[in-house]
Amino acid sequence: MARALVLWILLLAPLAGHQIDELHLRLEIDANRMEAVVEVDAAYMLPEYRGDAELAPLDLAWLRTREPAELERIAAETRSYLESCLRFESGGVPVEPAIELPDLGSAGARFRVEGIPEALPMLDVRLSAALPGPDLGVEWNEPFGVVLIITRDSGITPLVSGSSTEFHATGDPMNLPGWIHLGFVHILPAGLDHILFILGIFLRDRSWKPLVGKSLVFTAAHSLTLALAALGIVSLPDKPVEVAIAASIAWIGIENLLDRPRQSWELAVIAGFGLLHGLGFASQLAGWVDPSRPAQLPLALTGFNVGVELGQLTVLLGAGLALGWIDPFTPVRKAGGGLIAAAGIFWVVSRLV
């Protein structure tokens, strides 16, 4: 039975694998036309650089040394990628925008003369189209879960893969279901570190009362710091937070591996680590909330938190269905604890260097 847990945890890892987390699209629409600029990573446009989180990010220096044939391939793959991932419609009619790529072969191309060599190899791709009506529907389908961040004068709208939204000439903010969806996918499938901590709590206490109690404490703690960080009241550098989150995973794994008796102070430790996980969520949320539109924040916080909790409950439910019936449970607890501890220690080391 322990082997089933090993396989289940290992299968979670590929779900989070991709080289970049988000793409940005700057959008302008009026009653009869759309203009947009998509900022893309040239390396990610090549299929061989997608879906592998272990690949080192490539830079402008890499892009500047590509041969003409390689640059032509990047241009062709970029067009294919955008055509397959982005869908537009207006007035119920599909809209196929013209795609204008930068002249990658020109000696004066922007990527050759601007930016430091160590920067990411970003390219601006322009989209334009006439609209049959004043509305514009945007659908985003990305194979590795990259989030599309749409920016307008009226606000910022994040689109997770498989979702869509509609804009009008006057502009609309993202609705509550959109924020809930975004929070959920940041647990399943993208939040592997959070998933492992929740699994560690499950392995530590299968009895419903202590399990629910610890889950609620963890939830309340990370919801608190998420709100405080999003409001600008609390701010910590990303690297120490990420190292501490990794340490929390190592701790919960070691507790399960050693199978030590439950201690009264465990609840306080879980609450403390919950505060750190909330700061981790805040670093993601900050990129999607326009600081010039504070009225957007309550809706974003509410929806994102609800989505995170739904994802967390899904993890617990899945663990219960997959493992809750096994007896004796100690071998499963130790095997799972060892895997979780190993992942946490690996992340601590990799995030420190």
Protein backbone atom coordinates (compact mmCIF):
# COMPACT_ATOMS: atom_id res chain seq x y z
CA MET A 1 0.00 0.00 0.00
CA ALA A 2 2.92 2.31 0.65
CA ARG A 3 3.88 1.91 -3.01
CA ALA A 4 0.50 3.34 -3.99
CA LEU A 5 1.27 6.48 -1.99
CA VAL A 6 4.74 6.76 -3.56
CA LEU A 7 3.26 6.54 -7.06
CA TRP A 8 0.47 9.01 -6.25
CA ILE A 9 2.89 11.67 -4.93
CA LEU A 10 5.34 11.22 -7.79
CA LEU A 11 2.56 11.63 -10.32
CA LEU A 12 1.78 15.05 -8.91
CA ALA A 13 5.19 16.49 -9.82
CA PRO A 14 4.86 16.69 -13.61
CA LEU A 15 1.62 18.62 -13.27
CA ALA A 16 3.50 21.70 -12.13
CA GLY A 17 6.18 21.58 -14.81
CA HIS A 18 6.58 24.52 -17.12
CA GLN A 19 9.36 27.02 -17.68
CA ILE A 20 7.30 30.23 -17.37
CA ASP A 21 4.26 31.08 -15.26
CA GLU A 22 2.52 33.82 -17.22
CA LEU A 23 2.30 35.80 -20.45
CA HIS A 24 1.19 39.43 -20.66
CA LEU A 25 -1.23 40.92 -23.16
CA ARG A 26 -1.85 44.68 -23.33
CA LEU A 27 -5.30 45.25 -24.84
CA GLU A 28 -7.08 48.25 -26.30
CA ILE A 29 -10.57 48.07 -27.82
CA ASP A 30 -13.08 50.60 -29.02
CA ALA A 31 -16.45 50.20 -30.72
CA ASN A 32 -15.02 48.65 -33.87
CA ARG A 33 -11.38 47.65 -33.40
CA MET A 34 -8.98 45.78 -31.12
CA GLU A 35 -5.25 46.36 -30.76
CA ALA A 36 -3.11 44.16 -28.53
CA VAL A 37 0.54 43.47 -27.76
CA VAL A 38 1.54 40.06 -26.40
CA GLU A 39 4.89 39.81 -24.65
CA VAL A 40 6.25 36.32 -25.29
CA ASP A 41 9.36 34.45 -24.23
CA ALA A 42 11.11 33.49 -27.48
CA ALA A 43 12.53 30.28 -25.98
CA TYR A 44 9.15 29.16 -24.68
CA MET A 45 7.73 29.54 -28.19
CA LEU A 46 9.83 26.51 -29.19
CA PRO A 47 8.03 23.27 -28.20
CA GLU A 48 11.20 21.68 -26.82
CA TYR A 49 11.42 24.38 -24.13
CA ARG A 50 7.88 23.87 -22.79
CA GLY A 51 6.70 21.64 -19.98
CA ASP A 52 10.05 21.02 -18.29
CA ALA A 53 10.57 22.96 -15.06
CA GLU A 54 14.16 21.70 -14.83
CA LEU A 55 15.32 23.60 -17.93
CA ALA A 56 17.41 26.65 -17.13
CA PRO A 57 15.81 29.84 -18.49
CA LEU A 58 17.41 31.09 -21.69
CA ASP A 59 18.33 34.74 -22.16
CA LEU A 60 18.77 37.50 -24.71
CA ALA A 61 22.36 36.45 -25.28
CA TRP A 62 21.02 33.07 -26.46
CA LEU A 63 18.49 34.71 -28.77
CA ARG A 64 21.05 37.07 -30.31
CA THR A 65 23.25 34.15 -31.37
CA ARG A 66 20.53 32.23 -33.22
CA GLU A 67 21.06 31.55 -36.91
CA PRO A 68 18.56 32.97 -39.43
CA ALA A 69 16.88 29.59 -39.87
CA GLU A 70 16.38 29.30 -36.11
CA LEU A 71 14.93 32.81 -35.94
CA GLU A 72 12.51 31.94 -38.73
CA ARG A 73 11.46 28.87 -36.76
CA ILE A 74 10.89 30.96 -33.62
CA ALA A 75 8.69 33.30 -35.64
CA ALA A 76 6.70 30.42 -37.15
CA GLU A 77 6.25 28.67 -33.78
CA THR A 78 5.17 31.94 -32.14
CA ARG A 79 2.45 32.43 -34.72
CA SER A 80 1.32 28.80 -34.34
CA TYR A 81 1.32 29.04 -30.53
CA LEU A 82 -0.79 32.20 -30.41
CA GLU A 83 -3.22 30.91 -33.03
CA SER A 84 -3.74 27.68 -31.05
CA CYS A 85 -3.93 29.21 -27.55
CA LEU A 86 -5.88 32.44 -28.15
CA ARG A 87 -9.43 32.68 -29.45
CA PHE A 88 -11.37 35.91 -29.99
CA GLU A 89 -14.97 36.64 -30.87
CA SER A 90 -17.18 39.70 -31.13
CA GLY A 91 -20.93 39.79 -31.50
CA GLY A 92 -20.94 35.99 -31.60
CA VAL A 93 -18.62 36.02 -34.62
CA PRO A 94 -15.07 34.56 -34.48
CA VAL A 95 -12.37 37.19 -34.87
CA GLU A 96 -9.02 36.28 -36.42
CA PRO A 97 -6.57 39.10 -35.70
CA ALA A 98 -3.61 39.89 -37.89
CA ILE A 99 -0.40 38.79 -36.13
CA GLU A 100 2.56 41.10 -36.63
CA LEU A 101 5.87 39.62 -35.49
CA PRO A 102 9.03 41.69 -35.05
CA ASP A 103 11.62 41.43 -37.81
CA LEU A 104 13.93 38.98 -36.06
CA GLY A 105 16.45 39.03 -38.91
CA SER A 106 17.02 42.79 -38.83
CA ALA A 107 20.30 44.05 -37.39
CA GLY A 108 18.32 46.84 -35.74
CA ALA A 109 15.67 44.55 -34.21
CA ARG A 110 14.66 45.69 -30.73
CA PHE A 111 15.89 42.53 -29.00
CA ARG A 112 19.37 43.09 -30.46
CA VAL A 113 19.79 46.70 -29.33
CA GLU A 114 17.76 46.85 -26.11
CA GLY A 115 18.02 44.91 -22.89
CA ILE A 116 20.92 43.35 -21.03
CA PRO A 117 22.20 39.97 -22.31
CA GLU A 118 21.13 38.20 -19.10
CA ALA A 119 17.47 39.31 -19.44
CA LEU A 120 14.77 36.94 -20.65
CA PRO A 121 14.40 36.79 -24.46
CA MET A 122 11.10 38.68 -24.62
CA LEU A 123 9.46 39.69 -27.91
CA ASP A 124 6.47 41.95 -28.52
CA VAL A 125 3.90 40.51 -30.93
CA ARG A 126 1.11 42.79 -32.16
CA LEU A 127 -2.46 41.63 -32.78
CA SER A 128 -5.06 43.76 -34.54
CA ALA A 129 -8.54 43.19 -35.94
CA ALA A 130 -11.75 44.95 -36.87
CA LEU A 131 -14.65 44.10 -34.55
CA PRO A 132 -18.23 43.51 -35.69
CA GLY A 133 -19.50 44.76 -32.32
CA PRO A 134 -18.41 46.69 -29.19
CA ASP A 135 -17.71 43.52 -27.20
CA LEU A 136 -14.68 41.23 -27.34
CA GLY A 137 -14.58 37.69 -25.98
CA VAL A 138 -11.16 36.23 -25.19
CA GLU A 139 -10.56 32.51 -24.61
CA TRP A 140 -7.21 31.14 -23.44
CA ASN A 141 -6.17 27.48 -23.78
CA GLU A 142 -2.52 26.81 -22.88
CA PRO A 143 -1.22 23.22 -22.65
CA PHE A 144 1.03 23.76 -19.60
CA GLY A 145 -1.18 26.01 -17.48
CA VAL A 146 0.56 29.32 -18.16
CA VAL A 147 -1.66 32.21 -17.05
CA LEU A 148 -2.51 35.01 -19.49
CA ILE A 149 -2.47 38.43 -17.81
CA ILE A 150 -4.61 40.89 -19.78
CA THR A 151 -3.97 44.56 -18.99
CA ARG A 152 -6.28 47.43 -19.94
CA ASP A 153 -6.65 50.97 -18.71
CA SER A 154 -9.68 49.72 -16.78
CA GLY A 155 -7.78 47.02 -14.87
CA ILE A 156 -5.98 43.68 -14.95
CA THR A 157 -7.67 40.39 -15.81
CA PRO A 158 -5.83 37.08 -15.32
CA LEU A 159 -7.03 34.15 -17.45
CA VAL A 160 -6.09 30.62 -16.48
CA SER A 161 -5.93 28.01 -19.21
CA GLY A 162 -9.35 26.79 -20.26
CA SER A 163 -11.16 29.96 -19.23
CA SER A 164 -12.57 32.95 -21.06
CA THR A 165 -13.78 36.47 -20.39
CA GLU A 166 -15.59 39.25 -22.20
CA PHE A 167 -14.68 42.89 -22.53
CA HIS A 168 -16.67 45.92 -23.63
CA ALA A 169 -15.39 49.22 -24.91
CA THR A 170 -15.88 50.61 -21.39
CA GLY A 171 -14.00 47.71 -19.77
CA ASP A 172 -15.03 45.14 -17.15
CA PRO A 173 -13.06 43.81 -14.16
CA MET A 174 -12.65 40.08 -13.61
CA ASN A 175 -15.69 38.45 -11.97
CA LEU A 176 -15.82 36.28 -8.85
CA PRO A 177 -15.86 32.89 -10.64
CA GLY A 178 -12.70 33.90 -12.50
CA TRP A 179 -10.83 34.65 -9.25
CA ILE A 180 -12.10 31.39 -7.70
CA HIS A 181 -10.84 29.45 -10.71
CA LEU A 182 -7.47 31.17 -10.48
CA GLY A 183 -7.12 30.29 -6.77
CA PHE A 184 -8.10 26.67 -7.38
CA VAL A 185 -5.55 26.07 -10.14
CA HIS A 186 -2.85 27.54 -7.94
CA ILE A 187 -3.40 24.48 -5.76
CA LEU A 188 -4.36 21.93 -8.41
CA PRO A 189 -2.26 21.46 -10.40
CA ALA A 190 0.26 24.29 -9.85
CA GLY A 191 0.78 24.30 -6.06
CA LEU A 192 2.91 21.21 -5.51
CA ASP A 193 4.57 22.59 -2.35
CA HIS A 194 1.16 23.44 -0.84
CA ILE A 195 -0.22 20.04 -1.89
CA LEU A 196 2.62 18.23 -0.10
CA PHE A 197 2.07 20.19 3.11
CA ILE A 198 -1.64 19.37 3.07
CA LEU A 199 -0.85 15.71 2.41
CA GLY A 200 1.54 15.81 5.37
CA ILE A 201 -1.27 17.05 7.60
CA PHE A 202 -3.50 14.25 6.32
CA LEU A 203 -0.86 11.59 6.97
CA ARG A 204 -0.30 12.95 10.48
CA ASP A 205 -4.00 12.80 11.46
CA ARG A 206 -6.56 10.75 9.59
CA SER A 207 -9.19 11.21 12.31
CA TRP A 208 -11.66 13.79 11.07
CA LYS A 209 -11.70 16.03 14.17
CA PRO A 210 -7.94 16.82 14.48
CA LEU A 211 -7.58 16.84 10.68
CA VAL A 212 -10.33 19.39 10.17
CA GLY A 213 -9.05 21.45 13.11
CA LYS A 214 -5.51 21.65 11.72
CA SER A 215 -6.78 22.36 8.22
CA LEU A 216 -8.92 25.23 9.48
CA VAL A 217 -6.03 26.72 11.46
CA PHE A 218 -3.76 26.47 8.42
CA THR A 219 -6.49 28.03 6.26
CA ALA A 220 -7.13 30.91 8.63
CA ALA A 221 -3.41 31.65 8.93
CA HIS A 222 -2.59 31.78 5.23
CA SER A 223 -5.78 33.72 4.50
CA LEU A 224 -4.71 36.34 7.06
CA THR A 225 -1.24 36.94 5.64
CA LEU A 226 -2.54 36.83 2.08
CA ALA A 227 -4.89 39.70 2.92
CA LEU A 228 -2.25 41.67 4.87
CA ALA A 229 0.33 41.29 2.10
CA ALA A 230 -2.15 42.17 -0.64
CA LEU A 231 -3.09 45.32 1.31
CA GLY A 232 0.57 46.27 1.62
CA ILE A 233 0.60 45.96 5.43
CA VAL A 234 3.11 43.07 5.47
CA SER A 235 5.96 42.64 3.01
CA LEU A 236 8.88 40.19 3.01
CA PRO A 237 11.41 39.31 0.29
CA ASP A 238 10.34 36.35 -1.84
CA LYS A 239 13.44 34.18 -1.34
CA PRO A 240 13.29 33.82 2.49
CA VAL A 241 9.56 33.11 2.24
CA GLU A 242 10.09 30.39 -0.37
CA VAL A 243 12.89 28.81 1.71
CA ALA A 244 10.67 28.83 4.81
CA ILE A 245 7.80 27.24 2.87
CA ALA A 246 10.18 24.48 1.76
CA ALA A 247 11.28 24.04 5.39
CA SER A 248 7.64 23.64 6.44
CA ILE A 249 7.28 20.78 3.97
CA ALA A 250 10.46 19.14 5.26
CA TRP A 251 9.19 19.47 8.85
CA ILE A 252 5.77 17.90 8.24
CA GLY A 253 7.45 15.10 6.27
CA ILE A 254 9.96 14.36 9.03
CA GLU A 255 7.20 14.31 11.66
CA ASN A 256 5.40 11.64 9.63
CA LEU A 257 8.58 9.72 8.87
CA LEU A 258 9.55 9.49 12.54
CA ASP A 259 5.92 8.86 13.55
CA ARG A 260 6.41 10.73 16.81
CA PRO A 261 3.48 11.20 19.22
CA ARG A 262 1.34 14.29 18.58
CA GLN A 263 2.40 17.33 20.56
CA SER A 264 0.24 20.16 21.86
CA TRP A 265 2.45 22.73 20.10
CA GLU A 266 1.93 21.22 16.64
CA LEU A 267 -1.13 23.37 16.04
CA ALA A 268 0.86 26.54 16.68
CA VAL A 269 3.61 25.39 14.27
CA ILE A 270 1.03 24.64 11.57
CA ALA A 271 -0.46 28.11 12.10
CA GLY A 272 2.99 29.68 11.76
CA PHE A 273 3.70 27.83 8.55
CA GLY A 274 0.24 28.79 7.32
CA LEU A 275 1.24 32.44 7.70
CA LEU A 276 4.27 31.79 5.48
CA HIS A 277 2.23 29.99 2.83
CA GLY A 278 -0.09 33.00 2.72
CA LEU A 279 2.86 35.24 1.91
CA GLY A 280 3.75 32.85 -0.91
CA PHE A 281 0.24 33.15 -2.33
CA ALA A 282 0.43 36.94 -2.02
CA SER A 283 3.45 37.13 -4.30
CA GLN A 284 1.31 35.52 -7.00
CA LEU A 285 -1.81 37.59 -6.36
CA ALA A 286 0.13 40.88 -6.40
CA GLY A 287 0.91 40.46 -10.08
CA TRP A 288 -2.77 40.28 -10.99
CA VAL A 289 -4.30 43.10 -8.97
CA ASP A 290 -3.89 46.60 -10.36
CA PRO A 291 -2.60 48.80 -7.48
CA SER A 292 -4.31 51.79 -9.06
CA ARG A 293 -7.70 50.07 -8.65
CA PRO A 294 -8.00 49.22 -4.93
CA ALA A 295 -11.73 48.51 -5.33
CA GLN A 296 -10.74 45.34 -7.18
CA LEU A 297 -8.91 43.92 -4.14
CA PRO A 298 -11.86 42.68 -1.98
CA LEU A 299 -13.29 40.67 -4.87
CA ALA A 300 -9.85 39.30 -5.78
CA LEU A 301 -9.04 38.30 -2.18
CA THR A 302 -12.42 36.66 -1.62
CA GLY A 303 -12.42 34.70 -4.86
CA PHE A 304 -8.76 33.68 -4.72
CA ASN A 305 -9.10 32.49 -1.10
CA VAL A 306 -12.23 30.50 -1.89
CA GLY A 307 -10.48 28.89 -4.85
CA VAL A 308 -7.44 28.00 -2.76
CA GLU A 309 -9.61 26.39 -0.10
CA LEU A 310 -11.60 24.41 -2.64
CA GLY A 311 -8.31 23.13 -4.05
CA GLN A 312 -7.11 22.25 -0.55
CA LEU A 313 -10.32 20.37 0.27
CA THR A 314 -10.03 18.49 -3.02
CA VAL A 315 -6.54 17.33 -2.02
CA LEU A 316 -7.82 16.12 1.37
CA LEU A 317 -10.80 14.38 -0.21
CA GLY A 318 -8.59 12.68 -2.77
CA ALA A 319 -6.16 11.55 -0.07
CA GLY A 320 -9.01 10.20 2.03
CA LEU A 321 -10.50 8.24 -0.86
CA ALA A 322 -7.12 6.89 -1.99
CA LEU A 323 -5.52 6.11 1.37
CA GLY A 324 -8.03 6.52 4.19
CA TRP A 325 -9.16 2.90 4.17
CA ILE A 326 -5.67 1.37 4.55
CA ASP A 327 -4.95 -0.43 7.83
CA PRO A 328 -2.37 -0.56 9.34
CA PHE A 329 -1.51 2.96 8.26
CA THR A 330 1.94 3.39 9.83
CA PRO A 331 3.93 2.09 6.80
CA VAL A 332 2.02 4.49 4.54
CA ARG A 333 2.63 7.39 6.92
CA LYS A 334 6.36 6.70 7.05
CA ALA A 335 6.74 6.16 3.29
CA GLY A 336 4.77 9.30 2.51
CA GLY A 337 6.61 11.26 5.18
CA GLY A 338 9.96 10.25 3.74
CA LEU A 339 9.00 11.40 0.25
CA ILE A 340 7.58 14.69 1.50
CA ALA A 341 10.63 15.32 3.69
CA ALA A 342 12.97 14.61 0.76
CA ALA A 343 11.08 17.04 -1.46
CA GLY A 344 11.14 19.72 1.25
CA ILE A 345 14.87 19.34 1.92
CA PHE A 346 15.62 19.43 -1.82
CA TRP A 347 13.63 22.66 -2.19
CA VAL A 348 15.34 24.24 0.83
CA VAL A 349 18.76 23.58 -0.70
CA SER A 350 17.80 24.59 -4.24
CA ARG A 351 16.12 27.82 -3.05
CA LEU A 352 19.13 28.79 -0.96
CA VAL A 353 21.64 28.54 -3.81
